[in-house]
Protein backbone atom coordinates (compact mmCIF):
# COMPACT_ATOMS: atom_id res chain seq x y z
CA UNK A 1 -0.01 0.00 0.00
CA UNK A 2 1.44 3.36 -1.02
CA UNK A 3 2.08 6.16 1.50
CA UNK A 4 -1.03 8.26 2.08
CA UNK A 5 -1.16 11.97 0.85
CA UNK A 6 -4.11 12.70 3.11
CA UNK A 7 -5.07 11.55 6.54
CA UNK A 8 -8.77 11.88 5.75
CA UNK A 9 -10.88 12.67 2.82
CA UNK A 10 -14.47 13.63 3.43
CA UNK A 11 -17.51 13.14 1.16
CA UNK A 12 -20.51 15.22 2.03
CA UNK A 13 -23.02 18.05 1.46
CA UNK A 14 -21.30 21.26 0.65
CA UNK A 15 -23.39 23.76 2.54
CA UNK A 16 -23.29 27.43 3.72
CA UNK A 17 -24.75 27.92 7.27
CA UNK A 18 -26.86 30.97 8.21
CA UNK A 19 -27.00 30.92 12.05
CA UNK A 20 -29.33 33.11 14.16
CA UNK A 21 -30.51 33.15 17.67
CA UNK A 22 -34.16 32.36 18.29
CA UNK A 23 -36.42 31.81 21.30
CA UNK A 24 -38.75 28.83 22.07
CA UNK A 25 -41.81 30.90 20.93
CA UNK A 26 -40.36 31.45 17.44
CA UNK A 27 -39.51 27.71 16.99
CA UNK A 28 -43.05 26.90 17.96
CA UNK A 29 -44.65 29.63 15.77
CA UNK A 30 -42.68 28.56 12.73
CA UNK A 31 -43.72 24.94 13.37
CA UNK A 32 -40.08 23.64 13.47
CA UNK A 33 -39.08 20.29 14.91
CA UNK A 34 -36.68 21.57 17.56
CA UNK A 35 -33.23 19.95 17.65
CA UNK A 36 -33.71 18.16 14.29
CA UNK A 37 -32.50 18.70 10.77
CA UNK A 38 -35.47 19.15 8.50
CA UNK A 39 -35.23 19.24 4.78
CA UNK A 40 -36.99 22.22 3.05
CA UNK A 41 -37.42 23.40 -0.62
CA UNK A 42 -36.21 26.67 -2.16
CA UNK A 43 -39.44 28.62 -1.41
CA UNK A 44 -39.43 27.46 2.33
CA UNK A 45 -35.79 28.48 2.53
CA UNK A 46 -36.58 31.97 1.10
CA UNK A 47 -39.53 32.36 3.53
CA UNK A 48 -37.68 31.20 6.63
CA UNK A 49 -34.66 33.35 5.84
CA UNK A 50 -36.96 36.32 5.83
CA UNK A 51 -38.09 35.47 9.27
CA UNK A 52 -34.71 34.90 10.85
CA UNK A 53 -33.21 37.36 13.26
CA UNK A 54 -29.71 38.90 12.59
CA UNK A 55 -27.33 36.10 11.81
CA UNK A 56 -23.96 35.00 10.63
CA UNK A 57 -23.01 33.13 7.52
CA UNK A 58 -20.28 30.57 7.48
CA UNK A 59 -19.30 27.65 5.33
CA UNK A 60 -20.64 24.45 6.81
CA UNK A 61 -21.65 20.95 5.91
CA UNK A 62 -21.03 18.23 8.38
CA UNK A 63 -18.08 16.40 6.76
CA UNK A 64 -16.64 19.70 5.69
CA UNK A 65 -16.65 20.97 9.22
CA UNK A 66 -14.89 17.72 10.28
CA UNK A 67 -12.21 18.27 7.66
CA UNK A 68 -11.71 21.83 8.78
CA UNK A 69 -11.15 20.43 12.33
CA UNK A 70 -8.66 17.89 11.03
CA UNK A 71 -6.79 20.66 9.37
CA UNK A 72 -6.79 22.78 12.51
CA UNK A 73 -5.11 19.88 14.31
CA UNK A 74 -2.49 19.84 11.64
CA UNK A 75 -3.71 16.93 9.72
CA UNK A 76 -3.78 16.61 5.86
CA UNK A 77 -7.36 16.55 4.56
CA UNK A 78 -9.33 16.63 1.33
CA UNK A 79 -13.03 17.06 0.61
CA UNK A 80 -15.51 16.08 -2.08
CA UNK A 81 -18.72 18.00 -2.20
CA UNK A 82 -20.81 19.76 -4.87
CA UNK A 83 -21.59 23.42 -5.08
CA UNK A 84 -23.03 25.67 -7.84
CA UNK A 85 -20.94 28.23 -9.65
CA UNK A 86 -22.76 30.97 -7.73
CA UNK A 87 -22.04 33.47 -4.90
CA UNK A 88 -22.47 30.92 -2.06
CA UNK A 89 -20.55 28.33 -3.93
CA UNK A 90 -17.60 30.73 -4.23
CA UNK A 91 -17.80 31.38 -0.53
CA UNK A 92 -17.71 27.62 0.26
CA UNK A 93 -14.74 26.96 -2.02
CA UNK A 94 -12.82 29.84 -0.61
CA UNK A 95 -13.49 28.98 3.01
CA UNK A 96 -12.60 25.28 2.87
CA UNK A 97 -9.43 25.96 0.86
CA UNK A 98 -8.43 28.89 3.35
CA UNK A 99 -8.41 26.46 6.36
CA UNK A 100 -5.97 24.08 4.44
CA UNK A 101 -8.27 21.45 3.08
CA UNK A 102 -7.72 20.29 -0.51
CA UNK A 103 -10.90 20.83 -2.47
CA UNK A 104 -11.14 20.08 -6.21
CA UNK A 105 -14.79 19.16 -6.89
CA UNK A 106 -15.77 21.09 -10.07
CA UNK A 107 -18.75 23.56 -9.52
CA UNK A 108 -21.94 22.85 -11.44
CA UNK A 109 -22.76 25.56 -14.08
CA UNK A 110 -26.49 24.76 -14.08
CA UNK A 111 -29.14 23.24 -11.97
CA UNK A 112 -30.09 24.08 -8.29
CA UNK A 113 -28.19 26.73 -6.41
CA UNK A 114 -25.60 26.00 -3.68
CA UNK A 115 -27.05 24.46 -0.54
CA UNK A 116 -27.77 26.47 2.60
CA UNK A 117 -28.66 25.52 6.15
CA UNK A 118 -30.78 27.92 8.30
CA UNK A 119 -29.89 27.28 11.82
CA UNK A 120 -32.02 28.62 14.73
CA UNK A 121 -30.17 28.48 18.05
CA UNK A 122 -32.29 28.61 21.28
CA UNK A 123 -31.06 29.81 24.59
CA UNK A 124 -30.42 26.23 25.67
CA UNK A 125 -27.81 26.14 22.93
CA UNK A 126 -29.87 23.60 20.94
CA UNK A 127 -29.77 23.96 17.21
CA UNK A 128 -32.78 23.47 14.92
CA UNK A 129 -31.71 23.13 11.31
CA UNK A 130 -33.72 23.81 8.18
CA UNK A 131 -31.73 22.64 5.18
CA UNK A 132 -32.09 23.37 1.45
CA UNK A 133 -29.85 20.83 -0.09
CA UNK A 134 -29.75 22.51 -3.54
CA UNK A 135 -27.03 21.22 -5.87
CA UNK A 136 -25.21 19.34 -2.93
CA UNK A 137 -27.31 16.22 -3.37
CA UNK A 138 -26.51 16.13 -7.22
CA UNK A 139 -23.23 14.63 -6.10
CA UNK A 140 -22.79 11.34 -7.97
CA UNK A 141 -20.20 8.63 -8.94
CA UNK A 142 -18.78 11.02 -11.48
CA UNK A 143 -17.75 13.38 -8.76
CA UNK A 144 -15.81 10.83 -6.72
CA UNK A 145 -12.07 11.39 -7.04
CA UNK A 146 -10.73 7.94 -7.04
CA UNK A 147 -7.05 9.05 -6.93
CA UNK A 148 -7.62 11.15 -3.86
CA UNK A 149 -9.57 8.36 -2.05
CA UNK A 150 -6.77 5.88 -2.87
CA UNK A 151 -4.23 8.39 -1.34
CA UNK A 152 -6.27 8.88 1.85
CA UNK A 153 -5.88 6.73 5.03
CA UNK A 154 -9.60 7.16 5.79
CA UNK A 155 -12.54 8.01 3.67
CA UNK A 156 -15.23 9.80 5.76
CA UNK A 157 -18.79 9.65 4.55
CA UNK A 158 -21.58 11.97 5.73
CA UNK A 159 -24.94 10.34 6.37
CA UNK A 160 -26.89 13.51 5.55
CA UNK A 161 -26.12 12.77 1.80
CA UNK A 162 -28.30 9.57 2.01
CA UNK A 163 -31.44 11.48 0.89
CA UNK A 164 -30.69 10.99 -2.83
CA UNK A 165 -30.13 7.66 -4.68
CA UNK A 166 -27.11 8.97 -6.67
CA UNK A 167 -25.38 9.94 -3.45
CA UNK A 168 -25.91 6.47 -2.00
CA UNK A 169 -24.31 5.04 -5.04
CA UNK A 170 -21.49 7.44 -4.73
CA UNK A 171 -20.98 6.30 -1.10
CA UNK A 172 -20.64 2.68 -2.12
CA UNK A 173 -18.36 3.52 -5.00
CA UNK A 174 -16.06 5.53 -2.70
CA UNK A 175 -16.07 2.74 -0.10
CA UNK A 176 -15.11 0.19 -2.67
CA UNK A 177 -12.29 2.32 -4.12
CA UNK A 178 -10.88 2.91 -0.48
CA UNK A 179 -11.03 -0.76 0.46
CA UNK A 180 -9.45 -1.90 -2.78
CA UNK A 181 -6.60 0.38 -2.02
CA UNK A 182 -6.21 -0.99 1.59
CA UNK A 183 -7.72 1.98 3.20
CA UNK A 184 -10.46 2.47 5.88
CA UNK A 185 -13.96 3.85 5.57
CA UNK A 186 -15.66 5.87 8.22
CA UNK A 187 -19.36 6.87 8.35
CA UNK A 188 -21.27 9.37 10.47
CA UNK A 189 -24.95 8.65 10.85
CA UNK A 190 -25.50 12.56 11.02
CA UNK A 191 -29.22 12.74 12.28
CA UNK A 192 -31.71 10.31 13.92
CA UNK A 193 -34.43 11.40 11.52
CA UNK A 194 -32.11 10.75 8.60
CA UNK A 195 -31.51 7.31 10.06
CA UNK A 196 -35.33 6.75 10.40
CA UNK A 197 -35.72 7.58 6.62
CA UNK A 198 -33.07 5.26 5.35
CA UNK A 199 -32.63 2.66 8.12
CA UNK A 200 -32.30 -0.41 5.91
CA UNK A 201 -29.79 1.27 3.56
CA UNK A 202 -27.75 2.52 6.46
CA UNK A 203 -27.69 -0.98 8.10
CA UNK A 204 -26.51 -2.50 4.84
CA UNK A 205 -23.80 0.18 4.46
CA UNK A 206 -22.53 -0.32 8.01
CA UNK A 207 -22.55 -4.07 7.68
CA UNK A 208 -20.88 -4.22 4.38
CA UNK A 209 -18.70 -1.13 3.80
CA UNK A 210 -17.98 0.68 7.12
CA UNK A 211 -14.98 0.16 9.34
CA UNK A 212 -15.46 3.17 11.66
CA UNK A 213 -18.87 4.42 12.70
CA UNK A 214 -19.77 7.77 14.43
CA UNK A 215 -23.18 8.35 15.99
CA UNK A 216 -24.89 10.02 18.92
CA UNK A 217 -27.16 8.15 21.30
CA UNK A 218 -30.30 9.02 19.36
CA UNK A 219 -28.90 7.94 16.03
CA UNK A 220 -27.50 4.56 17.27
CA UNK A 221 -30.79 3.56 19.03
CA UNK A 222 -32.65 4.58 15.84
CA UNK A 223 -30.33 2.53 13.62
CA UNK A 224 -31.15 -0.69 15.61
CA UNK A 225 -34.71 0.22 16.46
CA UNK A 226 -34.16 -0.08 20.20
CA UNK A 227 -34.86 2.24 23.09
CA UNK A 228 -31.99 0.88 25.24
CA UNK A 229 -28.49 2.41 24.52
CA UNK A 230 -26.68 -0.72 25.83
CA UNK A 231 -28.63 -2.92 23.47
CA UNK A 232 -27.72 -0.72 20.56
CA UNK A 233 -23.98 -0.90 21.56
CA UNK A 234 -24.07 -4.65 21.80
CA UNK A 235 -25.44 -4.81 18.25
CA UNK A 236 -22.83 -2.50 16.87
CA UNK A 237 -19.77 -4.42 18.32
CA UNK A 238 -20.41 -7.18 15.79
CA UNK A 239 -20.74 -4.98 12.66
CA UNK A 240 -17.78 -2.67 12.45
CA UNK A 241 -14.20 -2.43 13.59
CA UNK A 242 -14.63 0.78 15.75
CA UNK A 243 -17.66 2.71 16.88
CA UNK A 244 -17.58 6.05 18.67
CA UNK A 245 -20.89 7.07 20.13
CA UNK A 246 -21.33 10.58 21.67
CA UNK A 247 -23.58 11.18 24.70
CA UNK A 248 -23.60 14.95 25.09
CA UNK A 249 -22.47 15.89 28.57
CA UNK A 250 -21.93 12.30 29.45
CA UNK A 251 -18.93 12.07 27.10
CA UNK A 252 -18.60 9.15 24.63
CA UNK A 253 -18.35 5.40 24.44
CA UNK A 254 -15.88 3.68 22.13
CA UNK A 255 -16.59 0.11 21.04
CA UNK A 256 -13.94 -2.05 19.44
CA UNK A 257 -12.91 -5.69 19.53
CA UNK A 258 -15.62 -6.56 21.95
CA UNK A 259 -14.42 -3.89 24.46
CA UNK A 260 -16.49 -0.87 25.46
CA UNK A 261 -14.72 2.18 26.86
CA UNK A 262 -16.49 5.16 28.41
CA UNK A 263 -14.75 8.51 28.17
CA UNK A 264 -15.89 11.58 30.05
CA UNK A 265 -16.64 14.84 28.33
CA UNK A 266 -14.24 17.63 28.53
CA UNK A 267 -15.20 20.50 30.95
CA UNK A 268 -17.06 23.46 29.40
CA UNK A 269 -17.59 26.90 30.97
CA UNK A 270 -20.66 27.77 28.95
CA UNK A 271 -22.45 26.08 26.05
CA UNK A 272 -23.28 28.67 23.36
CA UNK A 273 -24.15 26.59 20.18
CA UNK A 274 -24.04 22.82 19.76
CA UNK A 275 -24.11 22.98 15.95
CA UNK A 276 -20.66 21.48 15.23
CA UNK A 277 -20.21 19.28 18.27
CA UNK A 278 -20.52 15.89 16.50
CA UNK A 279 -18.47 17.19 13.54
CA UNK A 280 -15.60 18.32 15.61
CA UNK A 281 -15.78 15.29 17.89
CA UNK A 282 -15.25 13.14 14.67
CA UNK A 283 -12.36 15.46 13.62
CA UNK A 284 -10.48 15.00 16.81
CA UNK A 285 -11.13 11.31 16.86
CA UNK A 286 -10.02 10.70 13.34
CA UNK A 287 -6.96 12.84 13.72
CA UNK A 288 -5.90 10.83 16.72
CA UNK A 289 -6.59 7.59 14.86
CA UNK A 290 -4.47 8.69 11.93
CA UNK A 291 -1.61 9.53 14.42
CA UNK A 292 -1.77 6.09 15.93
CA UNK A 293 -3.19 7.10 19.21
CA UNK A 294 -5.07 4.77 21.53
CA UNK A 295 -8.84 4.77 21.16
CA UNK A 296 -9.57 6.40 24.47
CA UNK A 297 -7.13 9.13 23.62
CA UNK A 298 -8.89 9.54 20.23
CA UNK A 299 -12.07 9.99 22.11
CA UNK A 300 -10.54 12.54 24.51
CA UNK A 301 -9.19 14.47 21.50
CA UNK A 302 -12.62 14.44 19.90
CA UNK A 303 -14.08 15.72 23.17
CA UNK A 304 -11.55 18.42 23.33
CA UNK A 305 -12.48 19.68 19.88
CA UNK A 306 -16.23 19.40 20.51
CA UNK A 307 -15.79 21.28 23.83
CA UNK A 308 -14.09 24.17 21.88
CA UNK A 309 -16.67 24.52 19.16
CA UNK A 310 -19.82 24.48 21.46
CA UNK A 311 -18.45 27.55 23.31
CA UNK A 312 -18.95 29.90 20.37
CA UNK A 313 -21.30 30.40 17.40
CA UNK A 314 -20.43 28.52 14.31
CA UNK A 315 -19.43 24.92 13.51
CA UNK A 316 -15.72 25.39 12.88
CA UNK A 317 -12.88 25.95 15.37
CA UNK A 318 -12.23 29.54 16.55
CA UNK A 319 -8.67 28.65 17.67
CA UNK A 320 -5.90 26.41 16.56
CA UNK A 321 -6.81 22.84 17.74
CA UNK A 322 -3.15 21.82 17.40
CA UNK A 323 -2.26 24.56 20.05
CA UNK A 324 -5.23 23.51 22.14
CA UNK A 325 -4.19 19.78 22.09
CA UNK A 326 -0.63 20.66 23.10
CA UNK A 327 -1.94 22.98 25.93
CA UNK A 328 -4.07 20.12 27.34
CA UNK A 329 -1.37 17.51 27.07
CA UNK A 330 -3.58 14.69 25.71
């Protein structure tokens, strides 16, 4: 197996986030499913945008956030995700390259516009996401850069992409390329509602193509249609090499080789916005894994990155994670 050019390559929805504060009354008035990611169309996106308070725009997308985190740790990353050749597409391309991630996916010259996610953050720091996927879900097999995947230690797949058949096919194609090159494949389940929509397809992907699985408590219990967390963990131990399951303030659980390790959360002064918590946990965990760290340390590094990102608005690091890691001596 050839030396890797990249530690991780991500495949996901290329999205620009619009983040604004909201109160519980506004969430109820707008009829939003609090704490969930809901898919909307172009008209709904335009209407909701008009009802948002003052906000901030930043490039997002779950896997893209993870790759930005890996780059902040000093890791080598690449990204595959589709944007339109429009203003927001230009913003996305600039932002991901500016943080040190290799991004070469060609923008579309026609079709839907670049995706955007309208994020309402309530005082309890919970995020309610309304996502117009636009051209991002037009990603298909033709967009998969085989050479880049072959040159990456880990290919990281974003579950949010599962809402279109072409993207599912691209996932399997990417996983097959990675495994043929002797590389590893990681998947994040992304959202419990997304898992509910595509449970059978996710189960097949996990059983057949995934080495490393990321999920939170709601997602993993949804995947296995159980209410009990321990029951879900017992199921997952037979189906992939490594599973890292986050449990909010209760830290995370790492499952591998029949062994389950619980790792406490890192201390946080004040939770401001949980938007990128899972994305940055995955960034730290994957960075640690590519550096040969023990799994418990990978979880601690993930927890450190998650703790940083939830203490400010936005889903990408506000400080150097490499410096933060050195400061904390993990």
